[in-house]
N, C-alpha and C. Protein backbone atom coordinates (compact mmCIF):
# COMPACT_ATOMS: atom_id res chain seq x y z
N MET A 1 -24.76 47.16 66.98
CA MET A 1 -25.04 48.30 67.80
C MET A 1 -25.47 47.79 69.18
N LYS A 2 -24.82 48.29 70.18
CA LYS A 2 -25.08 47.86 71.55
C LYS A 2 -26.54 48.04 71.94
N LEU A 3 -27.12 49.17 71.56
CA LEU A 3 -28.51 49.46 71.90
C LEU A 3 -29.45 48.40 71.31
N ILE A 4 -29.24 48.03 70.07
CA ILE A 4 -30.08 47.03 69.41
C ILE A 4 -29.95 45.70 70.13
N ASP A 5 -28.72 45.33 70.46
CA ASP A 5 -28.51 44.07 71.19
C ASP A 5 -29.23 44.07 72.53
N GLU A 6 -29.18 45.19 73.24
CA GLU A 6 -29.84 45.29 74.54
C GLU A 6 -31.36 45.21 74.41
N LEU A 7 -31.92 45.92 73.45
CA LEU A 7 -33.37 45.86 73.24
C LEU A 7 -33.81 44.46 72.82
N TYR A 8 -33.03 43.85 71.96
CA TYR A 8 -33.35 42.49 71.51
C TYR A 8 -33.37 41.52 72.69
N GLU A 9 -32.35 41.59 73.52
CA GLU A 9 -32.28 40.69 74.67
C GLU A 9 -33.44 40.92 75.64
N LEU A 10 -33.82 42.17 75.82
CA LEU A 10 -34.92 42.48 76.74
C LEU A 10 -36.27 41.96 76.24
N TYR A 11 -36.48 42.00 74.94
CA TYR A 11 -37.82 41.74 74.40
C TYR A 11 -37.94 40.50 73.53
N ARG A 12 -36.89 39.77 73.30
CA ARG A 12 -36.98 38.65 72.35
C ARG A 12 -37.94 37.56 72.78
N ASN A 13 -38.14 37.38 74.06
CA ASN A 13 -39.07 36.36 74.53
C ASN A 13 -40.45 36.94 74.84
N LYS A 14 -40.62 38.24 74.64
CA LYS A 14 -41.88 38.89 74.95
C LYS A 14 -42.65 39.30 73.71
N LEU A 15 -41.96 39.42 72.59
CA LEU A 15 -42.58 39.86 71.35
C LEU A 15 -42.41 38.80 70.27
N THR A 16 -43.26 38.87 69.25
CA THR A 16 -43.17 37.89 68.17
C THR A 16 -42.10 38.25 67.15
N GLY A 17 -41.72 39.52 67.11
CA GLY A 17 -40.72 39.95 66.14
C GLY A 17 -41.31 40.36 64.81
N ASP A 18 -42.66 40.40 64.74
CA ASP A 18 -43.25 40.85 63.49
C ASP A 18 -43.12 42.37 63.38
N GLU A 19 -43.48 42.88 62.23
CA GLU A 19 -43.27 44.30 61.96
C GLU A 19 -44.04 45.19 62.94
N GLU A 20 -45.23 44.77 63.32
CA GLU A 20 -46.03 45.56 64.26
C GLU A 20 -45.36 45.64 65.63
N ASP A 21 -44.83 44.52 66.11
CA ASP A 21 -44.13 44.53 67.40
C ASP A 21 -42.89 45.41 67.37
N ILE A 22 -42.15 45.30 66.29
CA ILE A 22 -40.91 46.08 66.17
C ILE A 22 -41.23 47.57 66.10
N ASP A 23 -42.27 47.94 65.34
CA ASP A 23 -42.69 49.34 65.28
C ASP A 23 -43.07 49.84 66.67
N MET A 24 -43.86 49.04 67.38
CA MET A 24 -44.31 49.43 68.72
C MET A 24 -43.12 49.61 69.66
N LEU A 25 -42.16 48.70 69.61
CA LEU A 25 -40.98 48.79 70.45
C LEU A 25 -40.15 50.03 70.12
N ALA A 26 -39.95 50.27 68.84
CA ALA A 26 -39.16 51.43 68.42
C ALA A 26 -39.82 52.74 68.83
N PHE A 27 -41.13 52.85 68.62
CA PHE A 27 -41.81 54.09 68.98
C PHE A 27 -41.87 54.28 70.49
N ALA A 28 -42.06 53.20 71.23
CA ALA A 28 -42.05 53.29 72.70
C ALA A 28 -40.69 53.75 73.19
N PHE A 29 -39.63 53.22 72.60
CA PHE A 29 -38.27 53.62 72.97
C PHE A 29 -38.06 55.10 72.68
N LEU A 30 -38.42 55.53 71.48
CA LEU A 30 -38.22 56.93 71.10
C LEU A 30 -39.04 57.89 71.95
N GLU A 31 -40.21 57.44 72.37
CA GLU A 31 -41.06 58.27 73.21
C GLU A 31 -40.39 58.61 74.54
N GLU A 32 -39.53 57.72 75.00
CA GLU A 32 -38.85 57.91 76.28
C GLU A 32 -37.56 58.73 76.16
N MET A 33 -37.12 58.96 74.95
CA MET A 33 -35.86 59.67 74.71
C MET A 33 -36.12 61.14 74.43
N ASP A 34 -35.19 61.97 74.88
CA ASP A 34 -35.23 63.36 74.46
C ASP A 34 -34.08 63.59 73.48
N ARG A 35 -33.97 64.78 72.97
CA ARG A 35 -32.95 65.10 71.95
C ARG A 35 -31.54 64.77 72.46
N GLU A 36 -31.26 65.16 73.68
CA GLU A 36 -29.93 64.94 74.24
C GLU A 36 -29.62 63.44 74.35
N ASP A 37 -30.60 62.65 74.76
CA ASP A 37 -30.41 61.19 74.82
C ASP A 37 -30.05 60.63 73.45
N LEU A 38 -30.79 61.07 72.45
CA LEU A 38 -30.55 60.57 71.09
C LEU A 38 -29.19 61.01 70.57
N LEU A 39 -28.81 62.24 70.84
CA LEU A 39 -27.49 62.71 70.40
C LEU A 39 -26.37 61.94 71.08
N ASN A 40 -26.55 61.58 72.34
CA ASN A 40 -25.54 60.78 73.03
C ASN A 40 -25.42 59.38 72.43
N ILE A 41 -26.54 58.82 72.04
CA ILE A 41 -26.49 57.51 71.38
C ILE A 41 -25.74 57.63 70.06
N ILE A 42 -26.02 58.67 69.30
CA ILE A 42 -25.36 58.88 68.01
C ILE A 42 -23.85 59.08 68.20
N LYS A 43 -23.47 59.82 69.23
CA LYS A 43 -22.05 60.06 69.49
C LYS A 43 -21.30 58.77 69.78
N ASP A 44 -22.00 57.80 70.35
CA ASP A 44 -21.36 56.52 70.70
C ASP A 44 -21.29 55.53 69.54
N LEU A 45 -21.89 55.86 68.40
CA LEU A 45 -21.89 54.95 67.26
C LEU A 45 -20.50 54.85 66.65
N GLU A 46 -20.19 53.67 66.16
CA GLU A 46 -18.98 53.51 65.35
C GLU A 46 -19.26 54.08 63.97
N ASN A 47 -18.21 54.34 63.21
CA ASN A 47 -18.38 54.96 61.89
C ASN A 47 -19.36 54.21 61.01
N GLN A 48 -19.22 52.89 60.91
CA GLN A 48 -20.09 52.11 60.03
C GLN A 48 -21.55 52.17 60.50
N GLU A 49 -21.76 52.17 61.81
CA GLU A 49 -23.11 52.27 62.34
C GLU A 49 -23.74 53.62 61.99
N LEU A 50 -22.94 54.67 62.05
CA LEU A 50 -23.44 56.00 61.69
C LEU A 50 -23.80 56.06 60.21
N TYR A 51 -22.94 55.50 59.34
CA TYR A 51 -23.25 55.46 57.91
C TYR A 51 -24.50 54.63 57.65
N ASP A 52 -24.64 53.50 58.35
CA ASP A 52 -25.83 52.66 58.19
C ASP A 52 -27.09 53.42 58.61
N LEU A 53 -27.00 54.11 59.72
CA LEU A 53 -28.13 54.87 60.23
C LEU A 53 -28.54 55.96 59.23
N MET A 54 -27.58 56.71 58.76
CA MET A 54 -27.87 57.78 57.81
C MET A 54 -28.36 57.22 56.48
N GLY A 55 -27.78 56.11 56.06
CA GLY A 55 -28.22 55.48 54.82
C GLY A 55 -29.67 55.05 54.90
N LEU A 56 -30.03 54.41 55.99
CA LEU A 56 -31.41 53.97 56.19
C LEU A 56 -32.36 55.18 56.24
N TYR A 57 -31.96 56.21 56.94
CA TYR A 57 -32.77 57.43 57.02
C TYR A 57 -32.98 58.03 55.62
N LEU A 58 -31.91 58.15 54.86
CA LEU A 58 -32.01 58.73 53.52
C LEU A 58 -32.89 57.88 52.61
N ILE A 59 -32.69 56.57 52.63
CA ILE A 59 -33.47 55.67 51.78
C ILE A 59 -34.95 55.76 52.11
N GLU A 60 -35.29 55.63 53.38
CA GLU A 60 -36.70 55.65 53.79
C GLU A 60 -37.34 57.01 53.55
N SER A 61 -36.59 58.08 53.81
CA SER A 61 -37.13 59.42 53.59
C SER A 61 -37.38 59.68 52.11
N LEU A 62 -36.45 59.26 51.27
CA LEU A 62 -36.63 59.45 49.83
C LEU A 62 -37.77 58.59 49.30
N LYS A 63 -37.90 57.36 49.78
CA LYS A 63 -39.04 56.52 49.38
C LYS A 63 -40.35 57.20 49.71
N GLY A 64 -40.43 57.74 50.92
CA GLY A 64 -41.65 58.43 51.34
C GLY A 64 -41.93 59.66 50.50
N LYS A 65 -40.89 60.41 50.21
CA LYS A 65 -41.04 61.62 49.41
C LYS A 65 -41.53 61.30 48.00
N PHE A 66 -40.89 60.30 47.37
CA PHE A 66 -41.30 59.93 46.03
C PHE A 66 -42.71 59.34 46.03
N ALA A 67 -43.04 58.55 47.04
CA ALA A 67 -44.37 57.94 47.13
C ALA A 67 -45.44 59.01 47.34
N SER A 68 -45.13 60.03 48.13
CA SER A 68 -46.12 61.07 48.40
C SER A 68 -46.41 61.91 47.16
N GLU A 69 -45.51 61.92 46.24
CA GLU A 69 -45.71 62.68 45.01
C GLU A 69 -46.11 61.79 43.85
N ASN A 70 -46.44 60.53 44.15
CA ASN A 70 -46.83 59.55 43.14
C ASN A 70 -45.80 59.42 42.03
N TYR A 71 -44.56 59.59 42.41
CA TYR A 71 -43.47 59.48 41.43
C TYR A 71 -43.40 58.04 40.94
N GLY A 72 -43.12 57.87 39.69
CA GLY A 72 -42.96 56.54 39.14
C GLY A 72 -44.21 56.04 38.44
N GLN A 73 -45.33 56.70 38.66
CA GLN A 73 -46.52 56.31 37.93
C GLN A 73 -46.34 56.75 36.49
N ARG A 74 -46.94 56.01 35.62
CA ARG A 74 -46.82 56.36 34.21
C ARG A 74 -47.39 57.75 33.97
N ARG A 75 -46.59 58.56 33.44
CA ARG A 75 -47.04 59.90 33.10
C ARG A 75 -47.14 60.00 31.59
N SER A 76 -48.06 60.79 31.15
CA SER A 76 -48.18 61.00 29.71
C SER A 76 -46.93 61.70 29.22
N PRO A 77 -46.38 61.19 28.15
CA PRO A 77 -45.17 61.85 27.65
C PRO A 77 -45.49 63.27 27.20
N ILE A 78 -44.60 64.13 27.48
CA ILE A 78 -44.77 65.53 27.07
C ILE A 78 -44.19 65.67 25.67
N ILE A 79 -45.04 66.04 24.77
CA ILE A 79 -44.61 66.20 23.37
C ILE A 79 -44.56 67.70 23.06
N HIS A 80 -43.39 68.13 22.71
CA HIS A 80 -43.23 69.53 22.34
C HIS A 80 -43.40 69.63 20.84
N HIS A 81 -44.40 70.39 20.45
CA HIS A 81 -44.64 70.58 19.03
C HIS A 81 -43.73 71.68 18.52
N ARG A 82 -43.11 71.38 17.39
CA ARG A 82 -42.21 72.37 16.80
C ARG A 82 -42.73 72.73 15.42
N ASN A 83 -42.60 73.98 15.13
CA ASN A 83 -42.95 74.45 13.79
C ASN A 83 -41.73 74.29 12.90
N ILE A 84 -41.86 73.39 11.95
CA ILE A 84 -40.73 73.19 11.06
C ILE A 84 -41.10 73.82 9.71
N HIS A 85 -40.30 74.73 9.23
CA HIS A 85 -40.57 75.41 7.97
C HIS A 85 -39.73 74.85 6.87
């Protein structure tokens, strides 16, 4: 993605590349963009880049959703009692 290459070149000698730096860079970038700017970037994506973007969005959003509901923690099994005659 051209945008990623440009951001990397601008900041590779200024940041350590750890997760905190990358988060800060991404949020600073997004803070400067409006909806129209973001839509123009999306329009310029190649097909695979668009699929990658949507895939990452879906994966991270679903992880957050499941984590917020404590999904995956051991739950007591639900036992349905039946009257057998």
